[in-house]
Amino acid sequence: MSATSELLEAIFGSKQPAFYTEFEGWLRSSRRFRAFAHEYRNKIRAKFNNARHAGALDDLHAELRAAALLVREQRFDVEYEHYAAAKQRGPDFTVRFKGHTSFNVEVRRLPDDPARLPAIICEKIGQLPAGSINLLWLAAGAGYTEAQLLAATAELHAAASRKDDAYFSKRSFADAAEFNKRYPRLSGILLHRPDDSVIWLNPQARHAVPRDLLSALRQLS
């Protein structure tokens, strides 16, 4: 049995989820992803075994696809659930760029309803730690557009500007003040579609994305 086959068996056992063939392809085509999957095989296996429904498996697929793309960039060193290891709630990935610039990536698979974008962004902002560059990676279908992303962020900005407590109390925050306190932790959003991606940068971000990192992120596809 090859090392790749052994790794597949260690993670999935005798089961083959819908993304099995794609995952196998990542292992066989990328030495760096193979090393990542080997290092985190126990974590991936636990997530797979705890996925009790199709939606949970789709969420895991989105996370692993993001990892496969991130490790493709040679200047990225990718750590899976760094904050969970310290028993803290935090983003899915912590990445070191060129050995010195760290940033976090929180992955969220999007439903087929763009109207939910503002609520999803609010939900995920709550998981972003202070003091670092934080990116929200939205795994989207081909039907999502940049205009929809811009409309969602504009809606949040407008609600925050008018201090609409009722709006934010329905979207993961106690009130507008809490949103305004946490919103600067979001450095940007990467809307990743099947064939391309769009990056939105938060003008209110406390930690902006450096130009060279932004260039590297734009090459992920």
C-alpha atoms as a PDB file:
ATOM      1  CA  MET A   1       0.000   0.000   0.000  1.00  0.00           C
ATOM      2  CA  SER A   2       1.363   3.440  -0.945  1.00  0.00           C
ATOM      3  CA  ALA A   3       1.867   6.230   1.579  1.00  0.00           C
ATOM      4  CA  THR A   4      -1.041   8.126  -0.002  1.00  0.00           C
ATOM      5  CA  SER A   5      -3.351   5.119   0.243  1.00  0.00           C
ATOM      6  CA  GLU A   6      -2.358   4.606   3.871  1.00  0.00           C
ATOM      7  CA  LEU A   7      -3.124   8.246   4.610  1.00  0.00           C
ATOM      8  CA  LEU A   8      -6.523   8.001   2.929  1.00  0.00           C
ATOM      9  CA  GLU A   9      -7.340   4.923   4.970  1.00  0.00           C
ATOM     10  CA  ALA A  10      -6.127   6.579   8.183  1.00  0.00           C
ATOM     11  CA  ILE A  11      -8.487   9.507   7.608  1.00  0.00           C
ATOM     12  CA  PHE A  12     -11.558   7.939   5.997  1.00  0.00           C
ATOM     13  CA  GLY A  13     -11.269   4.245   6.823  1.00  0.00           C
ATOM     14  CA  SER A  14     -13.447   2.283   4.417  1.00  0.00           C
ATOM     15  CA  LYS A  15     -15.778   5.227   3.734  1.00  0.00           C
ATOM     16  CA  GLN A  16     -15.601   7.500   0.715  1.00  0.00           C
ATOM     17  CA  PRO A  17     -17.339  10.887   1.043  1.00  0.00           C
ATOM     18  CA  ALA A  18     -18.400  12.768  -2.073  1.00  0.00           C
ATOM     19  CA  PHE A  19     -15.130  14.734  -2.072  1.00  0.00           C
ATOM     20  CA  TYR A  20     -12.926  11.640  -1.642  1.00  0.00           C
ATOM     21  CA  THR A  21     -11.622  11.605  -5.234  1.00  0.00           C
ATOM     22  CA  GLU A  22     -10.881  15.332  -5.117  1.00  0.00           C
ATOM     23  CA  PHE A  23      -9.068  14.953  -1.787  1.00  0.00           C
ATOM     24  CA  GLU A  24      -7.040  12.063  -3.186  1.00  0.00           C
ATOM     25  CA  GLY A  25      -6.102  14.256  -6.139  1.00  0.00           C
ATOM     26  CA  TRP A  26      -4.830  16.972  -3.814  1.00  0.00           C
ATOM     27  CA  LEU A  27      -2.697  14.427  -1.985  1.00  0.00           C
ATOM     28  CA  ARG A  28      -1.183  13.000  -5.149  1.00  0.00           C
ATOM     29  CA  SER A  29      -0.542  16.342  -6.855  1.00  0.00           C
ATOM     30  CA  SER A  30       0.804  18.346  -3.918  1.00  0.00           C
ATOM     31  CA  ARG A  31       3.657  17.337  -1.649  1.00  0.00           C
ATOM     32  CA  ARG A  32       2.805  20.240   0.642  1.00  0.00           C
ATOM     33  CA  PHE A  33      -0.840  19.256   0.990  1.00  0.00           C
ATOM     34  CA  ARG A  34       0.197  15.654   1.597  1.00  0.00           C
ATOM     35  CA  ALA A  35       2.407  16.863   4.461  1.00  0.00           C
ATOM     36  CA  PHE A  36      -0.438  19.032   5.797  1.00  0.00           C
ATOM     37  CA  ALA A  37      -2.934  16.149   5.681  1.00  0.00           C
ATOM     38  CA  HIS A  38      -0.462  13.823   7.373  1.00  0.00           C
ATOM     39  CA  GLU A  39       0.234  16.298  10.176  1.00  0.00           C
ATOM     40  CA  TYR A  40      -3.469  16.898  10.818  1.00  0.00           C
ATOM     41  CA  ARG A  41      -4.804  13.439   9.917  1.00  0.00           C
ATOM     42  CA  ASN A  42      -6.242  12.863  13.399  1.00  0.00           C
ATOM     43  CA  LYS A  43      -8.058  16.204  13.357  1.00  0.00           C
ATOM     44  CA  ILE A  44      -9.436  15.620   9.859  1.00  0.00           C
ATOM     45  CA  ARG A  45     -10.534  12.091  10.785  1.00  0.00           C
ATOM     46  CA  ALA A  46     -12.315  13.372  13.892  1.00  0.00           C
ATOM     47  CA  LYS A  47     -14.103  16.072  11.890  1.00  0.00           C
ATOM     48  CA  PHE A  48     -15.099  13.504   9.273  1.00  0.00           C
ATOM     49  CA  ASN A  49     -16.410  11.053  11.843  1.00  0.00           C
ATOM     50  CA  ASN A  50     -18.361  13.807  13.614  1.00  0.00           C
ATOM     51  CA  ALA A  51     -20.010  15.024  10.392  1.00  0.00           C
ATOM     52  CA  ARG A  52     -23.490  13.581  10.898  1.00  0.00           C
ATOM     53  CA  HIS A  53     -25.183  15.083   7.848  1.00  0.00           C
ATOM     54  CA  ALA A  54     -24.423  16.177   4.289  1.00  0.00           C
ATOM     55  CA  GLY A  55     -24.116  19.842   5.244  1.00  0.00           C
ATOM     56  CA  ALA A  56     -21.402  19.077   7.786  1.00  0.00           C
ATOM     57  CA  LEU A  57     -19.477  17.093   5.168  1.00  0.00           C
ATOM     58  CA  ASP A  58     -19.828  20.011   2.748  1.00  0.00           C
ATOM     59  CA  ASP A  59     -18.417  22.331   5.431  1.00  0.00           C
ATOM     60  CA  LEU A  60     -15.421  20.025   5.927  1.00  0.00           C
ATOM     61  CA  HIS A  61     -14.936  19.873   2.162  1.00  0.00           C
ATOM     62  CA  ALA A  62     -14.862  23.689   2.030  1.00  0.00           C
ATOM     63  CA  GLU A  63     -12.252  23.836   4.815  1.00  0.00           C
ATOM     64  CA  LEU A  64     -10.031  21.232   3.198  1.00  0.00           C
ATOM     65  CA  ARG A  65     -10.300  22.864  -0.222  1.00  0.00           C
ATOM     66  CA  ALA A  66      -9.212  26.160   1.320  1.00  0.00           C
ATOM     67  CA  ALA A  67      -6.268  24.368   2.939  1.00  0.00           C
ATOM     68  CA  ALA A  68      -5.294  22.768  -0.375  1.00  0.00           C
ATOM     69  CA  LEU A  69      -5.232  26.189  -2.023  1.00  0.00           C
ATOM     70  CA  LEU A  70      -3.393  27.913   0.825  1.00  0.00           C
ATOM     71  CA  VAL A  71      -0.589  25.353   0.995  1.00  0.00           C
ATOM     72  CA  ARG A  72      -0.116  25.655  -2.766  1.00  0.00           C
ATOM     73  CA  GLU A  73       1.503  29.040  -2.085  1.00  0.00           C
ATOM     74  CA  GLN A  74       5.105  28.170  -1.177  1.00  0.00           C
ATOM     75  CA  ARG A  75       5.441  31.242   1.051  1.00  0.00           C
ATOM     76  CA  PHE A  76       2.538  30.157   3.283  1.00  0.00           C
ATOM     77  CA  ASP A  77       3.027  27.951   6.334  1.00  0.00           C
ATOM     78  CA  VAL A  78      -0.468  26.790   7.282  1.00  0.00           C
ATOM     79  CA  GLU A  79      -1.586  25.700  10.747  1.00  0.00           C
ATOM     80  CA  TYR A  80      -4.987  24.090  11.273  1.00  0.00           C
ATOM     81  CA  GLU A  81      -7.062  25.373  14.224  1.00  0.00           C
ATOM     82  CA  HIS A  82      -4.233  26.982  16.160  1.00  0.00           C
ATOM     83  CA  TYR A  83      -6.668  28.561  18.613  1.00  0.00           C
ATOM     84  CA  ALA A  84      -8.529  25.314  19.272  1.00  0.00           C
ATOM     85  CA  ALA A  85      -5.255  23.750  20.430  1.00  0.00           C
ATOM     86  CA  ALA A  86      -5.139  26.465  23.091  1.00  0.00           C
ATOM     87  CA  LYS A  87      -8.828  25.789  23.912  1.00  0.00           C
ATOM     88  CA  GLN A  88      -9.896  29.123  22.439  1.00  0.00           C
ATOM     89  CA  ARG A  89     -12.542  29.855  19.844  1.00  0.00           C
ATOM     90  CA  GLY A  90     -10.883  31.153  16.714  1.00  0.00           C
ATOM     91  CA  PRO A  91     -10.412  30.912  12.941  1.00  0.00           C
ATOM     92  CA  ASP A  92      -9.808  27.674  11.050  1.00  0.00           C
ATOM     93  CA  PHE A  93      -6.317  28.485   9.795  1.00  0.00           C
ATOM     94  CA  THR A  94      -3.387  30.534  11.014  1.00  0.00           C
ATOM     95  CA  VAL A  95      -0.881  31.246   8.252  1.00  0.00           C
ATOM     96  CA  ARG A  96       2.637  32.650   8.334  1.00  0.00           C
ATOM     97  CA  PHE A  97       3.610  34.493   5.164  1.00  0.00           C
ATOM     98  CA  LYS A  98       7.306  34.578   4.220  1.00  0.00           C
ATOM     99  CA  GLY A  99       8.170  33.481   7.748  1.00  0.00           C
ATOM    100  CA  HIS A 100       7.162  36.713   9.471  1.00  0.00           C
ATOM    101  CA  THR A 101       3.664  38.000   8.623  1.00  0.00           C
ATOM    102  CA  SER A 102       0.873  36.046  10.322  1.00  0.00           C
ATOM    103  CA  PHE A 103      -2.789  36.110   9.400  1.00  0.00           C
ATOM    104  CA  ASN A 104      -5.907  34.102  10.201  1.00  0.00           C
ATOM    105  CA  VAL A 105      -8.413  32.577   7.796  1.00  0.00           C
ATOM    106  CA  GLU A 106     -11.939  31.620   8.839  1.00  0.00           C
ATOM    107  CA  VAL A 107     -13.771  29.484   6.256  1.00  0.00           C
ATOM    108  CA  ARG A 108     -17.539  29.528   5.741  1.00  0.00           C
ATOM    109  CA  ARG A 109     -19.464  27.659   3.056  1.00  0.00           C
ATOM    110  CA  LEU A 110     -22.219  29.856   1.662  1.00  0.00           C
ATOM    111  CA  PRO A 111     -25.812  28.691   1.143  1.00  0.00           C
ATOM    112  CA  ASP A 112     -27.641  29.352  -2.103  1.00  0.00           C
ATOM    113  CA  ASP A 113     -29.161  32.525  -0.685  1.00  0.00           C
ATOM    114  CA  PRO A 114     -27.138  35.743  -1.078  1.00  0.00           C
ATOM    115  CA  ALA A 115     -29.630  37.543   1.178  1.00  0.00           C
ATOM    116  CA  ARG A 116     -28.021  35.742   4.125  1.00  0.00           C
ATOM    117  CA  LEU A 117     -24.580  37.236   3.473  1.00  0.00           C
ATOM    118  CA  PRO A 118     -24.810  40.068   6.052  1.00  0.00           C
ATOM    119  CA  ALA A 119     -25.880  37.645   8.794  1.00  0.00           C
ATOM    120  CA  ILE A 120     -23.105  35.201   7.889  1.00  0.00           C
ATOM    121  CA  ILE A 121     -20.473  37.930   7.976  1.00  0.00           C
ATOM    122  CA  CYS A 122     -21.722  39.030  11.393  1.00  0.00           C
ATOM    123  CA  GLU A 123     -21.679  35.454  12.674  1.00  0.00           C
ATOM    124  CA  LYS A 124     -18.066  34.963  11.660  1.00  0.00           C
ATOM    125  CA  ILE A 125     -16.772  38.313  12.893  1.00  0.00           C
ATOM    126  CA  GLY A 126     -17.423  36.999  16.386  1.00  0.00           C
ATOM    127  CA  GLN A 127     -14.728  34.345  15.877  1.00  0.00           C
ATOM    128  CA  LEU A 128     -11.991  36.764  14.851  1.00  0.00           C
ATOM    129  CA  PRO A 129      -9.280  37.492  17.432  1.00  0.00           C
ATOM    130  CA  ALA A 130      -7.937  40.954  18.145  1.00  0.00           C
ATOM    131  CA  GLY A 131      -4.399  41.933  17.245  1.00  0.00           C
ATOM    132  CA  SER A 132      -3.965  40.212  13.881  1.00  0.00           C
ATOM    133  CA  ILE A 133      -4.865  40.233  10.203  1.00  0.00           C
ATOM    134  CA  ASN A 134      -8.127  38.298   9.834  1.00  0.00           C
ATOM    135  CA  LEU A 135      -9.664  37.122   6.578  1.00  0.00           C
ATOM    136  CA  LEU A 136     -13.071  35.572   6.049  1.00  0.00           C
ATOM    137  CA  TRP A 137     -12.964  32.947   3.287  1.00  0.00           C
ATOM    138  CA  LEU A 138     -16.429  32.483   1.812  1.00  0.00           C
ATOM    139  CA  ALA A 139     -16.727  29.296  -0.256  1.00  0.00           C
ATOM    140  CA  ALA A 140     -19.372  30.226  -2.804  1.00  0.00           C
ATOM    141  CA  GLY A 141     -21.117  28.760  -5.807  1.00  0.00           C
ATOM    142  CA  ALA A 142     -20.684  30.237  -9.259  1.00  0.00           C
ATOM    143  CA  GLY A 143     -23.893  32.256  -8.860  1.00  0.00           C
ATOM    144  CA  TYR A 144     -22.432  34.600  -6.258  1.00  0.00           C
ATOM    145  CA  THR A 145     -21.190  37.948  -7.560  1.00  0.00           C
ATOM    146  CA  GLU A 146     -18.889  40.694  -6.371  1.00  0.00           C
ATOM    147  CA  ALA A 147     -21.882  43.042  -6.448  1.00  0.00           C
ATOM    148  CA  GLN A 148     -23.686  40.854  -3.889  1.00  0.00           C
ATOM    149  CA  LEU A 149     -20.670  40.933  -1.591  1.00  0.00           C
ATOM    150  CA  LEU A 150     -20.422  44.721  -1.893  1.00  0.00           C
ATOM    151  CA  ALA A 151     -24.154  45.060  -1.217  1.00  0.00           C
ATOM    152  CA  ALA A 152     -23.815  42.955   1.951  1.00  0.00           C
ATOM    153  CA  THR A 153     -20.932  45.011   3.347  1.00  0.00           C
ATOM    154  CA  ALA A 154     -22.741  48.247   2.422  1.00  0.00           C
ATOM    155  CA  GLU A 155     -25.832  47.032   4.287  1.00  0.00           C
ATOM    156  CA  LEU A 156     -23.754  46.353   7.410  1.00  0.00           C
ATOM    157  CA  HIS A 157     -22.076  49.751   7.177  1.00  0.00           C
ATOM    158  CA  ALA A 158     -25.418  51.530   6.808  1.00  0.00           C
ATOM    159  CA  ALA A 159     -26.933  49.707   9.795  1.00  0.00           C
ATOM    160  CA  ALA A 160     -23.865  50.499  11.897  1.00  0.00           C
ATOM    161  CA  SER A 161     -23.951  54.170  10.865  1.00  0.00           C
ATOM    162  CA  ARG A 162     -27.541  54.591  11.996  1.00  0.00           C
ATOM    163  CA  LYS A 163     -26.784  52.604  15.197  1.00  0.00           C
ATOM    164  CA  ASP A 164     -29.515  50.112  14.440  1.00  0.00           C
ATOM    165  CA  ASP A 165     -29.430  47.960  17.566  1.00  0.00           C
ATOM    166  CA  ALA A 166     -32.409  45.855  16.455  1.00  0.00           C
ATOM    167  CA  TYR A 167     -30.661  44.953  13.195  1.00  0.00           C
ATOM    168  CA  PHE A 168     -27.546  43.660  14.945  1.00  0.00           C
ATOM    169  CA  SER A 169     -29.379  41.959  17.811  1.00  0.00           C
ATOM    170  CA  LYS A 170     -30.783  39.621  15.158  1.00  0.00           C
ATOM    171  CA  ARG A 171     -27.315  39.002  13.712  1.00  0.00           C
ATOM    172  CA  SER A 172     -25.037  37.641  16.458  1.00  0.00           C
ATOM    173  CA  PHE A 173     -24.432  40.908  18.348  1.00  0.00           C
ATOM    174  CA  ALA A 174     -25.981  42.510  21.406  1.00  0.00           C
ATOM    175  CA  ASP A 175     -26.274  45.859  19.643  1.00  0.00           C
ATOM    176  CA  ALA A 176     -24.646  48.161  17.079  1.00  0.00           C
ATOM    177  CA  ALA A 177     -21.955  49.217  19.547  1.00  0.00           C
ATOM    178  CA  GLU A 178     -20.731  45.642  19.888  1.00  0.00           C
ATOM    179  CA  PHE A 179     -20.621  45.281  16.103  1.00  0.00           C
ATOM    180  CA  ASN A 180     -18.665  48.520  15.744  1.00  0.00           C
ATOM    181  CA  LYS A 181     -16.200  47.301  18.360  1.00  0.00           C
ATOM    182  CA  ARG A 182     -15.552  43.972  16.610  1.00  0.00           C
ATOM    183  CA  TYR A 183     -15.892  44.987  12.956  1.00  0.00           C
ATOM    184  CA  PRO A 184     -12.347  46.418  12.687  1.00  0.00           C
ATOM    185  CA  ARG A 185     -10.997  42.929  13.437  1.00  0.00           C
ATOM    186  CA  LEU A 186     -12.121  41.895   9.937  1.00  0.00           C
ATOM    187  CA  SER A 187      -9.314  42.748   7.524  1.00  0.00           C
ATOM    188  CA  GLY A 188     -11.041  41.472   4.421  1.00  0.00           C
ATOM    189  CA  ILE A 189     -13.273  38.907   2.739  1.00  0.00           C
ATOM    190  CA  LEU A 190     -12.197  36.456   0.067  1.00  0.00           C
ATOM    191  CA  LEU A 191     -15.199  35.311  -1.960  1.00  0.00           C
ATOM    192  CA  HIS A 192     -13.971  32.054  -3.472  1.00  0.00           C
ATOM    193  CA  ARG A 193     -15.973  30.691  -6.390  1.00  0.00           C
ATOM    194  CA  PRO A 194     -15.291  27.499  -8.382  1.00  0.00           C
ATOM    195  CA  ASP A 195     -13.142  29.230 -10.995  1.00  0.00           C
ATOM    196  CA  ASP A 196     -11.982  32.487  -9.437  1.00  0.00           C
ATOM    197  CA  SER A 197     -12.061  34.675  -6.356  1.00  0.00           C
ATOM    198  CA  VAL A 198     -12.791  38.246  -5.356  1.00  0.00           C
ATOM    199  CA  ILE A 199     -11.211  40.040  -2.398  1.00  0.00           C
ATOM    200  CA  TRP A 200     -12.926  42.838  -0.499  1.00  0.00           C
ATOM    201  CA  LEU A 201     -10.836  44.877   1.953  1.00  0.00           C
ATOM    202  CA  ASN A 202     -12.388  46.427   5.039  1.00  0.00           C
ATOM    203  CA  PRO A 203     -11.610  50.180   5.058  1.00  0.00           C
ATOM    204  CA  GLN A 204     -12.095  50.171   8.836  1.00  0.00           C
ATOM    205  CA  ALA A 205      -9.708  47.279   9.481  1.00  0.00           C
ATOM    206  CA  ARG A 206      -7.354  47.692  12.408  1.00  0.00           C
ATOM    207  CA  HIS A 207      -4.824  45.431  10.666  1.00  0.00           C
ATOM    208  CA  ALA A 208      -4.703  45.952   6.913  1.00  0.00           C
ATOM    209  CA  VAL A 209      -3.558  43.288   4.446  1.00  0.00           C
ATOM    210  CA  PRO A 210      -0.044  44.132   3.172  1.00  0.00           C
ATOM    211  CA  ARG A 211       0.285  44.586  -0.567  1.00  0.00           C
ATOM    212  CA  ASP A 212       2.550  41.570  -1.132  1.00  0.00           C
ATOM    213  CA  LEU A 213       0.211  39.308   0.873  1.00  0.00           C
ATOM    214  CA  LEU A 214      -2.777  40.637  -1.071  1.00  0.00           C
ATOM    215  CA  SER A 215      -0.994  39.786  -4.316  1.00  0.00           C
ATOM    216  CA  ALA A 216      -0.346  36.232  -3.110  1.00  0.00           C
ATOM    217  CA  LEU A 217      -3.968  35.778  -2.053  1.00  0.00           C
ATOM    218  CA  ARG A 218      -5.221  36.952  -5.440  1.00  0.00           C
ATOM    219  CA  GLN A 219      -3.298  34.153  -7.125  1.00  0.00           C
ATOM    220  CA  LEU A 220      -5.168  31.443  -5.218  1.00  0.00           C
ATOM    221  CA  SER A 221      -7.728  29.673  -7.396  1.00  0.00           C
END
